[in-house]
Amino acid sequence: MNATISILAEIPEELHESLKNYLETHPDWDHDRVFAAALSLFLLQNGNGNSPEASQSYRKAARVYLETLFQHTV
């Protein structure tokens, strides 16, 4: 079962403008998909799998990242 959690975050105005421009030119993406991809990629790049729990979290982040990248909207 996939659960969705809402978050509220403040981002720099420059980043917001870049995100807005990206979304205007990529209609298959929305801000939720961008944030899921960005956050999961960050966790993949900065995590480690030194323990069984960390390894499991790493695999979950990898799955979210790949599902987000290859998600097709109809």
PDB file of N, CA and C in Angstrom:
ATOM      1  N   MET A   1       0.846  -1.179   0.000  1.00  0.00           N
ATOM      2  CA  MET A   1       0.000   0.000   0.000  1.00  0.00           C
ATOM      3  C   MET A   1       0.887   1.236   0.000  1.00  0.00           C
ATOM      4  N   ASN A   2       0.630   2.153  -0.921  1.00  0.00           N
ATOM      5  CA  ASN A   2       1.372   3.407  -0.988  1.00  0.00           C
ATOM      6  C   ASN A   2       0.618   4.476  -0.230  1.00  0.00           C
ATOM      7  N   ALA A   3       1.302   5.125   0.672  1.00  0.00           N
ATOM      8  CA  ALA A   3       0.715   6.227   1.422  1.00  0.00           C
ATOM      9  C   ALA A   3       1.330   7.525   0.925  1.00  0.00           C
ATOM     10  N   THR A   4       0.543   8.571   0.905  1.00  0.00           N
ATOM     11  CA  THR A   4       1.033   9.885   0.514  1.00  0.00           C
ATOM     12  C   THR A   4       0.990  10.788   1.725  1.00  0.00           C
ATOM     13  N   ILE A   5       2.079  11.488   1.958  1.00  0.00           N
ATOM     14  CA  ILE A   5       2.192  12.406   3.085  1.00  0.00           C
ATOM     15  C   ILE A   5       2.381  13.803   2.521  1.00  0.00           C
ATOM     16  N   SER A   6       1.613  14.751   2.999  1.00  0.00           N
ATOM     17  CA  SER A   6       1.757  16.141   2.551  1.00  0.00           C
ATOM     18  C   SER A   6       2.822  16.831   3.386  1.00  0.00           C
ATOM     19  N   ILE A   7       3.617  17.675   2.711  1.00  0.00           N
ATOM     20  CA  ILE A   7       4.586  18.498   3.433  1.00  0.00           C
ATOM     21  C   ILE A   7       4.452  19.929   2.949  1.00  0.00           C
ATOM     22  N   LEU A   8       4.825  20.828   3.807  1.00  0.00           N
ATOM     23  CA  LEU A   8       4.838  22.241   3.473  1.00  0.00           C
ATOM     24  C   LEU A   8       6.274  22.697   3.647  1.00  0.00           C
ATOM     25  N   ALA A   9       6.854  23.243   2.601  1.00  0.00           N
ATOM     26  CA  ALA A   9       8.253  23.667   2.670  1.00  0.00           C
ATOM     27  C   ALA A   9       8.420  25.022   2.014  1.00  0.00           C
ATOM     28  N   GLU A  10       9.279  25.820   2.606  1.00  0.00           N
ATOM     29  CA  GLU A  10       9.628  27.096   2.009  1.00  0.00           C
ATOM     30  C   GLU A  10      10.881  26.883   1.176  1.00  0.00           C
ATOM     31  N   ILE A  11      10.861  27.408  -0.054  1.00  0.00           N
ATOM     32  CA  ILE A  11      12.026  27.302  -0.930  1.00  0.00           C
ATOM     33  C   ILE A  11      12.389  28.703  -1.415  1.00  0.00           C
ATOM     34  N   PRO A  12      13.649  28.898  -1.790  1.00  0.00           N
ATOM     35  CA  PRO A  12      14.045  30.219  -2.299  1.00  0.00           C
ATOM     36  C   PRO A  12      13.242  30.584  -3.553  1.00  0.00           C
ATOM     37  N   GLU A  13      13.010  31.872  -3.713  1.00  0.00           N
ATOM     38  CA  GLU A  13      12.228  32.349  -4.843  1.00  0.00           C
ATOM     39  C   GLU A  13      12.838  31.927  -6.172  1.00  0.00           C
ATOM     40  N   GLU A  14      14.161  31.947  -6.274  1.00  0.00           N
ATOM     41  CA  GLU A  14      14.833  31.542  -7.511  1.00  0.00           C
ATOM     42  C   GLU A  14      14.528  30.090  -7.858  1.00  0.00           C
ATOM     43  N   LEU A  15      14.516  29.237  -6.846  1.00  0.00           N
ATOM     44  CA  LEU A  15      14.200  27.831  -7.063  1.00  0.00           C
ATOM     45  C   LEU A  15      12.743  27.673  -7.479  1.00  0.00           C
ATOM     46  N   HIS A  16      11.859  28.447  -6.884  1.00  0.00           N
ATOM     47  CA  HIS A  16      10.447  28.413  -7.249  1.00  0.00           C
ATOM     48  C   HIS A  16      10.251  28.821  -8.700  1.00  0.00           C
ATOM     49  N   GLU A  17      10.954  29.868  -9.126  1.00  0.00           N
ATOM     50  CA  GLU A  17      10.848  30.320 -10.519  1.00  0.00           C
ATOM     51  C   GLU A  17      11.362  29.244 -11.478  1.00  0.00           C
ATOM     52  N   SER A  18      12.471  28.604 -11.122  1.00  0.00           N
ATOM     53  CA  SER A  18      13.008  27.523 -11.959  1.00  0.00           C
ATOM     54  C   SER A  18      12.024  26.364 -12.047  1.00  0.00           C
ATOM     55  N   LEU A  19      11.425  26.008 -10.921  1.00  0.00           N
ATOM     56  CA  LEU A  19      10.438  24.932 -10.905  1.00  0.00           C
ATOM     57  C   LEU A  19       9.236  25.297 -11.765  1.00  0.00           C
ATOM     58  N   LYS A  20       8.763  26.522 -11.627  1.00  0.00           N
ATOM     59  CA  LYS A  20       7.617  26.979 -12.417  1.00  0.00           C
ATOM     60  C   LYS A  20       7.929  26.909 -13.908  1.00  0.00           C
ATOM     61  N   ASN A  21       9.114  27.362 -14.293  1.00  0.00           N
ATOM     62  CA  ASN A  21       9.504  27.313 -15.709  1.00  0.00           C
ATOM     63  C   ASN A  21       9.606  25.874 -16.200  1.00  0.00           C
ATOM     64  N   TYR A  22      10.153  25.004 -15.392  1.00  0.00           N
ATOM     65  CA  TYR A  22      10.272  23.600 -15.772  1.00  0.00           C
ATOM     66  C   TYR A  22       8.885  22.995 -16.000  1.00  0.00           C
ATOM     67  N   LEU A  23       7.982  23.238 -15.064  1.00  0.00           N
ATOM     68  CA  LEU A  23       6.637  22.657 -15.159  1.00  0.00           C
ATOM     69  C   LEU A  23       5.865  23.201 -16.355  1.00  0.00           C
ATOM     70  N   GLU A  24       6.118  24.439 -16.719  1.00  0.00           N
ATOM     71  CA  GLU A  24       5.448  25.013 -17.895  1.00  0.00           C
ATOM     72  C   GLU A  24       5.889  24.344 -19.188  1.00  0.00           C
ATOM     73  N   THR A  25       7.114  23.836 -19.218  1.00  0.00           N
ATOM     74  CA  THR A  25       7.632  23.219 -20.439  1.00  0.00           C
ATOM     75  C   THR A  25       7.589  21.689 -20.404  1.00  0.00           C
ATOM     76  N   HIS A  26       7.169  21.124 -19.289  1.00  0.00           N
ATOM     77  CA  HIS A  26       7.070  19.666 -19.150  1.00  0.00           C
ATOM     78  C   HIS A  26       5.696  19.312 -18.580  1.00  0.00           C
ATOM     79  N   PRO A  27       4.668  19.264 -19.410  1.00  0.00           N
ATOM     80  CA  PRO A  27       3.302  19.082 -18.918  1.00  0.00           C
ATOM     81  C   PRO A  27       3.040  17.718 -18.267  1.00  0.00           C
ATOM     82  N   ASP A  28       3.910  16.734 -18.489  1.00  0.00           N
ATOM     83  CA  ASP A  28       3.714  15.423 -17.849  1.00  0.00           C
ATOM     84  C   ASP A  28       4.127  15.422 -16.379  1.00  0.00           C
ATOM     85  N   TRP A  29       4.787  16.473 -15.939  1.00  0.00           N
ATOM     86  CA  TRP A  29       5.266  16.569 -14.563  1.00  0.00           C
ATOM     87  C   TRP A  29       4.413  17.561 -13.787  1.00  0.00           C
ATOM     88  N   ASP A  30       4.296  17.338 -12.485  1.00  0.00           N
ATOM     89  CA  ASP A  30       3.688  18.316 -11.586  1.00  0.00           C
ATOM     90  C   ASP A  30       4.631  18.489 -10.397  1.00  0.00           C
ATOM     91  N   HIS A  31       4.321  19.455  -9.537  1.00  0.00           N
ATOM     92  CA  HIS A  31       5.258  19.737  -8.445  1.00  0.00           C
ATOM     93  C   HIS A  31       5.410  18.550  -7.495  1.00  0.00           C
ATOM     94  N   ASP A  32       4.381  17.764  -7.289  1.00  0.00           N
ATOM     95  CA  ASP A  32       4.495  16.593  -6.414  1.00  0.00           C
ATOM     96  C   ASP A  32       5.479  15.578  -6.988  1.00  0.00           C
ATOM     97  N   ARG A  33       5.404  15.363  -8.293  1.00  0.00           N
ATOM     98  CA  ARG A  33       6.303  14.400  -8.939  1.00  0.00           C
ATOM     99  C   ARG A  33       7.748  14.900  -8.896  1.00  0.00           C
ATOM    100  N   VAL A  34       7.953  16.194  -9.125  1.00  0.00           N
ATOM    101  CA  VAL A  34       9.300  16.760  -9.074  1.00  0.00           C
ATOM    102  C   VAL A  34       9.883  16.617  -7.671  1.00  0.00           C
ATOM    103  N   PHE A  35       9.102  16.953  -6.658  1.00  0.00           N
ATOM    104  CA  PHE A  35       9.611  16.862  -5.287  1.00  0.00           C
ATOM    105  C   PHE A  35       9.895  15.414  -4.885  1.00  0.00           C
ATOM    106  N   ALA A  36       9.057  14.486  -5.290  1.00  0.00           N
ATOM    107  CA  ALA A  36       9.311  13.075  -4.977  1.00  0.00           C
ATOM    108  C   ALA A  36      10.600  12.596  -5.635  1.00  0.00           C
ATOM    109  N   ALA A  37      10.813  12.985  -6.898  1.00  0.00           N
ATOM    110  CA  ALA A  37      12.035  12.592  -7.598  1.00  0.00           C
ATOM    111  C   ALA A  37      13.263  13.228  -6.946  1.00  0.00           C
ATOM    112  N   ALA A  38      13.165  14.509  -6.639  1.00  0.00           N
ATOM    113  CA  ALA A  38      14.306  15.221  -6.059  1.00  0.00           C
ATOM    114  C   ALA A  38      14.656  14.691  -4.669  1.00  0.00           C
ATOM    115  N   LEU A  39      13.654  14.484  -3.842  1.00  0.00           N
ATOM    116  CA  LEU A  39      13.909  14.005  -2.485  1.00  0.00           C
ATOM    117  C   LEU A  39      14.455  12.586  -2.483  1.00  0.00           C
ATOM    118  N   SER A  40      13.890  11.723  -3.300  1.00  0.00           N
ATOM    119  CA  SER A  40      14.385  10.347  -3.337  1.00  0.00           C
ATOM    120  C   SER A  40      15.802  10.294  -3.903  1.00  0.00           C
ATOM    121  N   LEU A  41      16.121  11.127  -4.910  1.00  0.00           N
ATOM    122  CA  LEU A  41      17.486  11.170  -5.441  1.00  0.00           C
ATOM    123  C   LEU A  41      18.453  11.677  -4.380  1.00  0.00           C
ATOM    124  N   PHE A  42      18.067  12.702  -3.628  1.00  0.00           N
ATOM    125  CA  PHE A  42      18.907  13.199  -2.542  1.00  0.00           C
ATOM    126  C   PHE A  42      19.201  12.091  -1.536  1.00  0.00           C
ATOM    127  N   LEU A  43      18.178  11.340  -1.149  1.00  0.00           N
ATOM    128  CA  LEU A  43      18.378  10.270  -0.180  1.00  0.00           C
ATOM    129  C   LEU A  43      19.267   9.165  -0.740  1.00  0.00           C
ATOM    130  N   LEU A  44      19.127   8.872  -2.024  1.00  0.00           N
ATOM    131  CA  LEU A  44      19.992   7.870  -2.651  1.00  0.00           C
ATOM    132  C   LEU A  44      21.446   8.330  -2.659  1.00  0.00           C
ATOM    133  N   GLN A  45      21.672   9.586  -2.970  1.00  0.00           N
ATOM    134  CA  GLN A  45      23.031  10.096  -3.066  1.00  0.00           C
ATOM    135  C   GLN A  45      23.687  10.291  -1.707  1.00  0.00           C
ATOM    136  N   ASN A  46      22.903  10.500  -0.670  1.00  0.00           N
ATOM    137  CA  ASN A  46      23.462  10.824   0.638  1.00  0.00           C
ATOM    138  C   ASN A  46      23.258   9.748   1.692  1.00  0.00           C
ATOM    139  N   GLY A  47      22.592   8.672   1.333  1.00  0.00           N
ATOM    140  CA  GLY A  47      22.375   7.600   2.293  1.00  0.00           C
ATOM    141  C   GLY A  47      23.485   6.571   2.224  1.00  0.00           C
ATOM    142  N   ASN A  48      23.451   5.667   3.159  1.00  0.00           N
ATOM    143  CA  ASN A  48      24.375   4.544   3.107  1.00  0.00           C
ATOM    144  C   ASN A  48      23.625   3.291   3.531  1.00  0.00           C
ATOM    145  N   GLY A  49      24.110   2.176   3.144  1.00  0.00           N
ATOM    146  CA  GLY A  49      23.444   0.911   3.446  1.00  0.00           C
ATOM    147  C   GLY A  49      24.237   0.070   4.417  1.00  0.00           C
ATOM    148  N   ASN A  50      24.771   0.705   5.467  1.00  0.00           N
ATOM    149  CA  ASN A  50      25.643   0.000   6.403  1.00  0.00           C
ATOM    150  C   ASN A  50      24.906  -0.914   7.365  1.00  0.00           C
ATOM    151  N   SER A  51      23.613  -0.759   7.484  1.00  0.00           N
ATOM    152  CA  SER A  51      22.838  -1.626   8.373  1.00  0.00           C
ATOM    153  C   SER A  51      21.671  -2.199   7.567  1.00  0.00           C
ATOM    154  N   PRO A  52      21.054  -3.262   8.056  1.00  0.00           N
ATOM    155  CA  PRO A  52      19.893  -3.807   7.333  1.00  0.00           C
ATOM    156  C   PRO A  52      18.770  -2.784   7.178  1.00  0.00           C
ATOM    157  N   GLU A  53      18.534  -1.962   8.204  1.00  0.00           N
ATOM    158  CA  GLU A  53      17.474  -0.956   8.126  1.00  0.00           C
ATOM    159  C   GLU A  53      17.817   0.110   7.089  1.00  0.00           C
ATOM    160  N   ALA A  54      19.074   0.539   7.078  1.00  0.00           N
ATOM    161  CA  ALA A  54      19.493   1.555   6.106  1.00  0.00           C
ATOM    162  C   ALA A  54      19.445   0.994   4.691  1.00  0.00           C
ATOM    163  N   SER A  55      19.811  -0.259   4.552  1.00  0.00           N
ATOM    164  CA  SER A  55      19.770  -0.897   3.234  1.00  0.00           C
ATOM    165  C   SER A  55      18.336  -0.988   2.718  1.00  0.00           C
ATOM    166  N   GLN A  56      17.409  -1.319   3.605  1.00  0.00           N
ATOM    167  CA  GLN A  56      16.001  -1.402   3.218  1.00  0.00           C
ATOM    168  C   GLN A  56      15.474  -0.015   2.842  1.00  0.00           C
ATOM    169  N   SER A  57      15.834   1.014   3.600  1.00  0.00           N
ATOM    170  CA  SER A  57      15.408   2.380   3.287  1.00  0.00           C
ATOM    171  C   SER A  57      15.977   2.828   1.950  1.00  0.00           C
ATOM    172  N   TYR A  58      17.221   2.455   1.679  1.00  0.00           N
ATOM    173  CA  TYR A  58      17.862   2.801   0.411  1.00  0.00           C
ATOM    174  C   TYR A  58      17.097   2.181  -0.751  1.00  0.00           C
ATOM    175  N   ARG A  59      16.718   0.911  -0.624  1.00  0.00           N
ATOM    176  CA  ARG A  59      15.969   0.236  -1.688  1.00  0.00           C
ATOM    177  C   ARG A  59      14.598   0.883  -1.885  1.00  0.00           C
ATOM    178  N   LYS A  60      13.952   1.289  -0.795  1.00  0.00           N
ATOM    179  CA  LYS A  60      12.649   1.951  -0.910  1.00  0.00           C
ATOM    180  C   LYS A  60      12.781   3.296  -1.624  1.00  0.00           C
ATOM    181  N   ALA A  61      13.822   4.061  -1.280  1.00  0.00           N
ATOM    182  CA  ALA A  61      14.049   5.347  -1.940  1.00  0.00           C
ATOM    183  C   ALA A  61      14.338   5.134  -3.421  1.00  0.00           C
ATOM    184  N   ALA A  62      15.097   4.092  -3.735  1.00  0.00           N
ATOM    185  CA  ALA A  62      15.400   3.789  -5.138  1.00  0.00           C
ATOM    186  C   ALA A  62      14.131   3.444  -5.901  1.00  0.00           C
ATOM    187  N   ARG A  63      13.247   2.681  -5.275  1.00  0.00           N
ATOM    188  CA  ARG A  63      11.990   2.313  -5.931  1.00  0.00           C
ATOM    189  C   ARG A  63      11.136   3.548  -6.191  1.00  0.00           C
ATOM    190  N   VAL A  64      11.027   4.441  -5.204  1.00  0.00           N
ATOM    191  CA  VAL A  64      10.250   5.673  -5.384  1.00  0.00           C
ATOM    192  C   VAL A  64      10.859   6.514  -6.501  1.00  0.00           C
ATOM    193  N   TYR A  65      12.175   6.619  -6.512  1.00  0.00           N
ATOM    194  CA  TYR A  65      12.840   7.419  -7.543  1.00  0.00           C
ATOM    195  C   TYR A  65      12.546   6.878  -8.936  1.00  0.00           C
ATOM    196  N   LEU A  66      12.719   5.587  -9.120  1.00  0.00           N
ATOM    197  CA  LEU A  66      12.495   4.997 -10.446  1.00  0.00           C
ATOM    198  C   LEU A  66      11.027   5.061 -10.855  1.00  0.00           C
ATOM    199  N   GLU A  67      10.120   4.784  -9.918  1.00  0.00           N
ATOM    200  CA  GLU A  67       8.692   4.874 -10.241  1.00  0.00           C
ATOM    201  C   GLU A  67       8.313   6.299 -10.628  1.00  0.00           C
ATOM    202  N   THR A  68       8.887   7.276  -9.941  1.00  0.00           N
ATOM    203  CA  THR A  68       8.585   8.675 -10.232  1.00  0.00           C
ATOM    204  C   THR A  68       9.112   9.069 -11.605  1.00  0.00           C
ATOM    205  N   LEU A  69      10.334   8.648 -11.924  1.00  0.00           N
ATOM    206  CA  LEU A  69      10.906   9.003 -13.229  1.00  0.00           C
ATOM    207  C   LEU A  69      10.124   8.412 -14.385  1.00  0.00           C
ATOM    208  N   PHE A  70       9.690   7.175 -14.230  1.00  0.00           N
ATOM    209  CA  PHE A  70       9.057   6.471 -15.344  1.00  0.00           C
ATOM    210  C   PHE A  70       7.536   6.471 -15.280  1.00  0.00           C
ATOM    211  N   GLN A  71       6.989   7.282 -14.394  1.00  0.00           N
ATOM    212  CA  GLN A  71       5.532   7.411 -14.280  1.00  0.00           C
ATOM    213  C   GLN A  71       4.990   8.037 -15.549  1.00  0.00           C
ATOM    214  N   HIS A  72       3.943   7.451 -16.066  1.00  0.00           N
ATOM    215  CA  HIS A  72       3.297   7.988 -17.265  1.00  0.00           C
ATOM    216  C   HIS A  72       1.919   8.508 -16.871  1.00  0.00           C
ATOM    217  N   THR A  73       1.639   9.736 -17.260  1.00  0.00           N
ATOM    218  CA  THR A  73       0.310  10.297 -17.003  1.00  0.00           C
ATOM    219  C   THR A  73      -0.491  10.197 -18.284  1.00  0.00           C
ATOM    220  N   VAL A  74      -1.740   9.869 -18.123  1.00  0.00           N
ATOM    221  CA  VAL A  74      -2.621   9.718 -19.289  1.00  0.00           C
ATOM    222  C   VAL A  74      -3.705  10.766 -19.224  1.00  0.00           C
TER     223      VAL A  74
END
